[in-house]
Amino acid sequence: MPEALLWAVAILLAVAAGWAWNSWRHRVANRRSGTRPGRGATARTGGRRTTPPRPRGGDRPATKPRSRDTDRATGKPAPGEIWWADVPYADGSGSKVRPCLVLRADSRGADVLKITSQDKSDRDDHVRIPTRDWDPGAEHDSYLSLTEPARISSAAFADRAGNCDGDLWRRVRSLHHLPTR
């Protein structure tokens, strides 16, 4: 009986530790993306969006710190800018709020390239993108996917993060298969 009790306590501690770690991980992710529970955050299941994004234009707290690159933190995306947006997965099974580079924009939406924090240095279809210029809390650079751009609606854009590094933007524009106008 005492051995069974020890196992039960060990299982309970493991579950509590997993729950606490997951809760901390979501708080950190929400801080980085600018969402806060009760201020436009959406329900998620396994990282996939289950509700449509809500515009965040007017609900920004007056005390939120802003960098020089976020002078026009809301509004319409423009080519060469990095925005936080609800970008669909390639397989169409859902979407994720992530940073993206705007290639071309019009009144209905924009063509964007996805940015990931996962190390893709071993792949030819990704290039390193300096992250600290537009995400001061970043611990390392991210990677820009050079694969087919995603078309997203204007309503999917949440916050402007900053501008793309000039050298990288020129490189992206030189790739003829990508729309940049």
C-alpha atoms as a PDB file:
ATOM      1  CA  MET A   1       0.000   0.000   0.000  1.00  0.00           C
ATOM      2  CA  PRO A   2       2.717   2.582   0.817  1.00  0.00           C
ATOM      3  CA  GLU A   3       4.370   1.893  -2.559  1.00  0.00           C
ATOM      4  CA  ALA A   4       1.087   2.607  -4.401  1.00  0.00           C
ATOM      5  CA  LEU A   5       0.725   5.826  -2.445  1.00  0.00           C
ATOM      6  CA  LEU A   6       4.232   6.917  -3.483  1.00  0.00           C
ATOM      7  CA  TRP A   7       3.405   6.237  -7.133  1.00  0.00           C
ATOM      8  CA  ALA A   8       0.169   8.232  -6.865  1.00  0.00           C
ATOM      9  CA  VAL A   9       2.024  11.196  -5.338  1.00  0.00           C
ATOM     10  CA  ALA A  10       4.721  10.977  -8.036  1.00  0.00           C
ATOM     11  CA  ILE A  11       2.086  10.992 -10.787  1.00  0.00           C
ATOM     12  CA  LEU A  12       0.278  13.944  -9.240  1.00  0.00           C
ATOM     13  CA  LEU A  13       3.539  15.895  -8.983  1.00  0.00           C
ATOM     14  CA  ALA A  14       4.395  15.116 -12.617  1.00  0.00           C
ATOM     15  CA  VAL A  15       0.960  16.287 -13.795  1.00  0.00           C
ATOM     16  CA  ALA A  16       1.223  19.474 -11.711  1.00  0.00           C
ATOM     17  CA  ALA A  17       4.712  20.193 -13.068  1.00  0.00           C
ATOM     18  CA  GLY A  18       3.497  19.684 -16.659  1.00  0.00           C
ATOM     19  CA  TRP A  19       0.539  21.957 -16.098  1.00  0.00           C
ATOM     20  CA  ALA A  20       2.737  24.680 -14.557  1.00  0.00           C
ATOM     21  CA  TRP A  21       5.287  24.451 -17.384  1.00  0.00           C
ATOM     22  CA  ASN A  22       2.573  24.647 -20.046  1.00  0.00           C
ATOM     23  CA  SER A  23       0.954  27.622 -18.312  1.00  0.00           C
ATOM     24  CA  TRP A  24       4.310  29.427 -18.107  1.00  0.00           C
ATOM     25  CA  ARG A  25       5.045  28.655 -21.773  1.00  0.00           C
ATOM     26  CA  HIS A  26       1.729  30.171 -22.879  1.00  0.00           C
ATOM     27  CA  ARG A  27       2.281  33.291 -20.756  1.00  0.00           C
ATOM     28  CA  VAL A  28       5.698  33.810 -22.371  1.00  0.00           C
ATOM     29  CA  ALA A  29       4.262  33.290 -25.875  1.00  0.00           C
ATOM     30  CA  ASN A  30       1.418  35.723 -25.159  1.00  0.00           C
ATOM     31  CA  ARG A  31       3.872  38.326 -23.903  1.00  0.00           C
ATOM     32  CA  ARG A  32       5.952  38.025 -27.089  1.00  0.00           C
ATOM     33  CA  SER A  33       2.944  38.243 -29.390  1.00  0.00           C
ATOM     34  CA  GLY A  34       1.373  41.109 -27.449  1.00  0.00           C
ATOM     35  CA  THR A  35      -1.812  39.248 -26.553  1.00  0.00           C
ATOM     36  CA  ARG A  36      -3.125  39.153 -23.042  1.00  0.00           C
ATOM     37  CA  PRO A  37      -5.932  37.006 -21.654  1.00  0.00           C
ATOM     38  CA  GLY A  38      -9.110  39.050 -21.698  1.00  0.00           C
ATOM     39  CA  ARG A  39      -7.721  41.525 -24.273  1.00  0.00           C
ATOM     40  CA  GLY A  40      -8.418  39.817 -27.574  1.00  0.00           C
ATOM     41  CA  ALA A  41      -6.658  36.515 -26.912  1.00  0.00           C
ATOM     42  CA  THR A  42      -8.368  33.616 -28.632  1.00  0.00           C
ATOM     43  CA  ALA A  43      -9.003  30.042 -27.630  1.00  0.00           C
ATOM     44  CA  ARG A  44      -6.536  27.588 -29.085  1.00  0.00           C
ATOM     45  CA  THR A  45      -6.409  23.854 -29.339  1.00  0.00           C
ATOM     46  CA  GLY A  46      -3.019  22.270 -29.877  1.00  0.00           C
ATOM     47  CA  GLY A  47      -1.614  25.516 -31.295  1.00  0.00           C
ATOM     48  CA  ARG A  48      -4.375  25.732 -33.929  1.00  0.00           C
ATOM     49  CA  ARG A  49      -6.767  28.668 -33.942  1.00  0.00           C
ATOM     50  CA  THR A  50     -10.354  27.757 -33.168  1.00  0.00           C
ATOM     51  CA  THR A  51     -11.865  31.244 -33.336  1.00  0.00           C
ATOM     52  CA  PRO A  52     -11.295  34.002 -35.881  1.00  0.00           C
ATOM     53  CA  PRO A  53      -8.859  36.797 -34.988  1.00  0.00           C
ATOM     54  CA  ARG A  54     -10.250  40.014 -33.556  1.00  0.00           C
ATOM     55  CA  PRO A  55      -8.949  43.380 -34.725  1.00  0.00           C
ATOM     56  CA  ARG A  56      -6.663  44.935 -32.125  1.00  0.00           C
ATOM     57  CA  GLY A  57      -6.460  48.482 -33.446  1.00  0.00           C
ATOM     58  CA  GLY A  58      -8.156  50.412 -30.622  1.00  0.00           C
ATOM     59  CA  ASP A  59      -7.668  48.121 -27.648  1.00  0.00           C
ATOM     60  CA  ARG A  60      -3.940  48.818 -27.181  1.00  0.00           C
ATOM     61  CA  PRO A  61      -3.110  49.903 -23.623  1.00  0.00           C
ATOM     62  CA  ALA A  62      -1.750  53.439 -23.417  1.00  0.00           C
ATOM     63  CA  THR A  63       1.178  52.305 -21.274  1.00  0.00           C
ATOM     64  CA  LYS A  64       2.521  49.639 -23.656  1.00  0.00           C
ATOM     65  CA  PRO A  65       6.168  50.449 -24.442  1.00  0.00           C
ATOM     66  CA  ARG A  66       6.863  51.179 -28.103  1.00  0.00           C
ATOM     67  CA  SER A  67      10.088  51.204 -30.042  1.00  0.00           C
ATOM     68  CA  ARG A  68      11.013  53.619 -32.808  1.00  0.00           C
ATOM     69  CA  ASP A  69      10.056  50.961 -35.380  1.00  0.00           C
ATOM     70  CA  THR A  70       6.485  50.761 -34.113  1.00  0.00           C
ATOM     71  CA  ASP A  71       5.532  54.399 -34.727  1.00  0.00           C
ATOM     72  CA  ARG A  72       2.669  53.185 -36.859  1.00  0.00           C
ATOM     73  CA  ALA A  73       1.873  50.055 -34.881  1.00  0.00           C
ATOM     74  CA  THR A  74      -1.573  49.719 -36.410  1.00  0.00           C
ATOM     75  CA  GLY A  75      -2.874  50.427 -39.861  1.00  0.00           C
ATOM     76  CA  LYS A  76      -2.264  48.854 -43.229  1.00  0.00           C
ATOM     77  CA  PRO A  77       0.722  46.608 -43.873  1.00  0.00           C
ATOM     78  CA  ALA A  78       3.256  47.779 -46.447  1.00  0.00           C
ATOM     79  CA  PRO A  79       5.958  45.897 -48.389  1.00  0.00           C
ATOM     80  CA  GLY A  80       9.131  45.408 -46.366  1.00  0.00           C
ATOM     81  CA  GLU A  81       7.361  45.524 -42.992  1.00  0.00           C
ATOM     82  CA  ILE A  82       7.195  42.739 -40.439  1.00  0.00           C
ATOM     83  CA  TRP A  83       3.796  42.161 -38.855  1.00  0.00           C
ATOM     84  CA  TRP A  84       2.271  39.777 -36.344  1.00  0.00           C
ATOM     85  CA  ALA A  85      -0.593  38.124 -38.216  1.00  0.00           C
ATOM     86  CA  ASP A  86      -2.819  35.078 -38.191  1.00  0.00           C
ATOM     87  CA  VAL A  87      -1.130  33.044 -40.941  1.00  0.00           C
ATOM     88  CA  PRO A  88      -2.737  29.821 -42.214  1.00  0.00           C
ATOM     89  CA  TYR A  89      -0.835  26.533 -42.203  1.00  0.00           C
ATOM     90  CA  ALA A  90       0.232  25.309 -45.656  1.00  0.00           C
ATOM     91  CA  ASP A  91      -2.038  22.263 -45.385  1.00  0.00           C
ATOM     92  CA  GLY A  92      -5.086  24.445 -44.614  1.00  0.00           C
ATOM     93  CA  SER A  93      -5.757  22.708 -41.286  1.00  0.00           C
ATOM     94  CA  GLY A  94      -5.695  25.890 -39.205  1.00  0.00           C
ATOM     95  CA  SER A  95      -3.605  28.960 -38.545  1.00  0.00           C
ATOM     96  CA  LYS A  96      -1.138  30.494 -36.121  1.00  0.00           C
ATOM     97  CA  VAL A  97      -0.346  34.050 -35.021  1.00  0.00           C
ATOM     98  CA  ARG A  98       3.244  34.531 -36.128  1.00  0.00           C
ATOM     99  CA  PRO A  99       5.559  37.195 -37.499  1.00  0.00           C
ATOM    100  CA  CYS A 100       5.606  37.537 -41.275  1.00  0.00           C
ATOM    101  CA  LEU A 101       7.271  39.719 -43.914  1.00  0.00           C
ATOM    102  CA  VAL A 102       4.878  41.643 -46.169  1.00  0.00           C
ATOM    103  CA  LEU A 103       5.742  41.314 -49.871  1.00  0.00           C
ATOM    104  CA  ARG A 104       2.759  43.034 -51.467  1.00  0.00           C
ATOM    105  CA  ALA A 105      -0.369  44.583 -49.956  1.00  0.00           C
ATOM    106  CA  ASP A 106      -3.670  45.979 -51.183  1.00  0.00           C
ATOM    107  CA  SER A 107      -6.963  46.931 -49.549  1.00  0.00           C
ATOM    108  CA  ARG A 108      -8.109  43.295 -49.231  1.00  0.00           C
ATOM    109  CA  GLY A 109      -4.965  41.730 -47.788  1.00  0.00           C
ATOM    110  CA  ALA A 110      -1.327  40.930 -48.410  1.00  0.00           C
ATOM    111  CA  ASP A 111       1.120  38.343 -49.683  1.00  0.00           C
ATOM    112  CA  VAL A 112       3.512  37.408 -46.882  1.00  0.00           C
ATOM    113  CA  LEU A 113       6.443  35.138 -46.118  1.00  0.00           C
ATOM    114  CA  LYS A 114       6.360  33.276 -42.814  1.00  0.00           C
ATOM    115  CA  ILE A 115       8.994  33.811 -40.124  1.00  0.00           C
ATOM    116  CA  THR A 116       9.849  30.995 -37.723  1.00  0.00           C
ATOM    117  CA  SER A 117      12.003  30.910 -34.614  1.00  0.00           C
ATOM    118  CA  GLN A 118      12.956  27.285 -35.341  1.00  0.00           C
ATOM    119  CA  ASP A 119      16.504  26.739 -36.591  1.00  0.00           C
ATOM    120  CA  LYS A 120      16.326  26.220 -40.366  1.00  0.00           C
ATOM    121  CA  SER A 121      20.015  26.947 -41.068  1.00  0.00           C
ATOM    122  CA  ASP A 122      20.407  23.588 -42.815  1.00  0.00           C
ATOM    123  CA  ARG A 123      17.748  24.404 -45.439  1.00  0.00           C
ATOM    124  CA  ASP A 124      18.130  26.305 -48.720  1.00  0.00           C
ATOM    125  CA  ASP A 125      14.534  27.572 -48.657  1.00  0.00           C
ATOM    126  CA  HIS A 126      15.052  29.627 -45.451  1.00  0.00           C
ATOM    127  CA  VAL A 127      17.366  32.535 -44.633  1.00  0.00           C
ATOM    128  CA  ARG A 128      18.391  33.957 -41.274  1.00  0.00           C
ATOM    129  CA  ILE A 129      16.539  37.167 -40.388  1.00  0.00           C
ATOM    130  CA  PRO A 130      17.765  39.526 -37.659  1.00  0.00           C
ATOM    131  CA  THR A 131      15.109  39.442 -34.958  1.00  0.00           C
ATOM    132  CA  ARG A 132      16.206  41.816 -32.200  1.00  0.00           C
ATOM    133  CA  ASP A 133      15.463  44.893 -34.362  1.00  0.00           C
ATOM    134  CA  TRP A 134      11.721  44.182 -34.197  1.00  0.00           C
ATOM    135  CA  ASP A 135      11.467  41.768 -31.233  1.00  0.00           C
ATOM    136  CA  PRO A 136      13.592  43.088 -28.337  1.00  0.00           C
ATOM    137  CA  GLY A 137      12.792  40.015 -26.231  1.00  0.00           C
ATOM    138  CA  ALA A 138      14.191  37.589 -28.811  1.00  0.00           C
ATOM    139  CA  GLU A 139      17.055  35.421 -27.677  1.00  0.00           C
ATOM    140  CA  HIS A 140      18.234  34.486 -31.188  1.00  0.00           C
ATOM    141  CA  ASP A 141      17.600  35.305 -34.840  1.00  0.00           C
ATOM    142  CA  SER A 142      14.697  33.741 -36.710  1.00  0.00           C
ATOM    143  CA  TYR A 143      14.380  32.253 -40.191  1.00  0.00           C
ATOM    144  CA  LEU A 144      12.391  33.600 -43.143  1.00  0.00           C
ATOM    145  CA  SER A 145      10.764  30.994 -45.369  1.00  0.00           C
ATOM    146  CA  LEU A 146      11.408  31.685 -49.055  1.00  0.00           C
ATOM    147  CA  THR A 147       8.816  29.171 -50.204  1.00  0.00           C
ATOM    148  CA  GLU A 148       5.504  30.175 -51.770  1.00  0.00           C
ATOM    149  CA  PRO A 149       4.007  33.307 -50.163  1.00  0.00           C
ATOM    150  CA  ALA A 150       0.740  33.050 -48.238  1.00  0.00           C
ATOM    151  CA  ARG A 151      -2.161  35.363 -49.045  1.00  0.00           C
ATOM    152  CA  ILE A 152      -3.894  36.632 -45.908  1.00  0.00           C
ATOM    153  CA  SER A 153      -6.775  39.039 -45.414  1.00  0.00           C
ATOM    154  CA  SER A 154      -6.411  42.506 -43.915  1.00  0.00           C
ATOM    155  CA  ALA A 155      -8.352  41.374 -40.827  1.00  0.00           C
ATOM    156  CA  ALA A 156      -5.641  38.782 -40.045  1.00  0.00           C
ATOM    157  CA  PHE A 157      -3.020  41.449 -39.227  1.00  0.00           C
ATOM    158  CA  ALA A 158      -2.661  42.226 -35.522  1.00  0.00           C
ATOM    159  CA  ASP A 159       0.386  44.429 -34.835  1.00  0.00           C
ATOM    160  CA  ARG A 160       3.233  45.923 -36.804  1.00  0.00           C
ATOM    161  CA  ALA A 161       6.540  44.631 -35.436  1.00  0.00           C
ATOM    162  CA  GLY A 162       9.018  46.689 -37.471  1.00  0.00           C
ATOM    163  CA  ASN A 163      10.906  46.809 -40.749  1.00  0.00           C
ATOM    164  CA  CYS A 164      12.862  44.122 -42.532  1.00  0.00           C
ATOM    165  CA  ASP A 165      16.649  44.488 -42.548  1.00  0.00           C
ATOM    166  CA  GLY A 166      17.577  46.468 -45.708  1.00  0.00           C
ATOM    167  CA  ASP A 167      20.080  43.930 -47.073  1.00  0.00           C
ATOM    168  CA  LEU A 168      17.651  41.059 -46.568  1.00  0.00           C
ATOM    169  CA  TRP A 169      14.794  43.033 -48.169  1.00  0.00           C
ATOM    170  CA  ARG A 170      16.925  43.668 -51.291  1.00  0.00           C
ATOM    171  CA  ARG A 171      17.751  39.959 -51.428  1.00  0.00           C
ATOM    172  CA  VAL A 172      14.084  38.986 -51.125  1.00  0.00           C
ATOM    173  CA  ARG A 173      13.103  41.479 -53.844  1.00  0.00           C
ATOM    174  CA  SER A 174      15.728  40.001 -56.191  1.00  0.00           C
ATOM    175  CA  LEU A 175      14.021  36.619 -56.077  1.00  0.00           C
ATOM    176  CA  HIS A 176      11.892  36.823 -59.225  1.00  0.00           C
ATOM    177  CA  HIS A 177       9.289  34.274 -58.130  1.00  0.00           C
ATOM    178  CA  LEU A 178       8.194  36.451 -55.191  1.00  0.00           C
ATOM    179  CA  PRO A 179       5.724  39.322 -55.686  1.00  0.00           C
ATOM    180  CA  THR A 180       7.017  42.545 -54.084  1.00  0.00           C
ATOM    181  CA  ARG A 181       4.910  45.282 -55.628  1.00  0.00           C
END
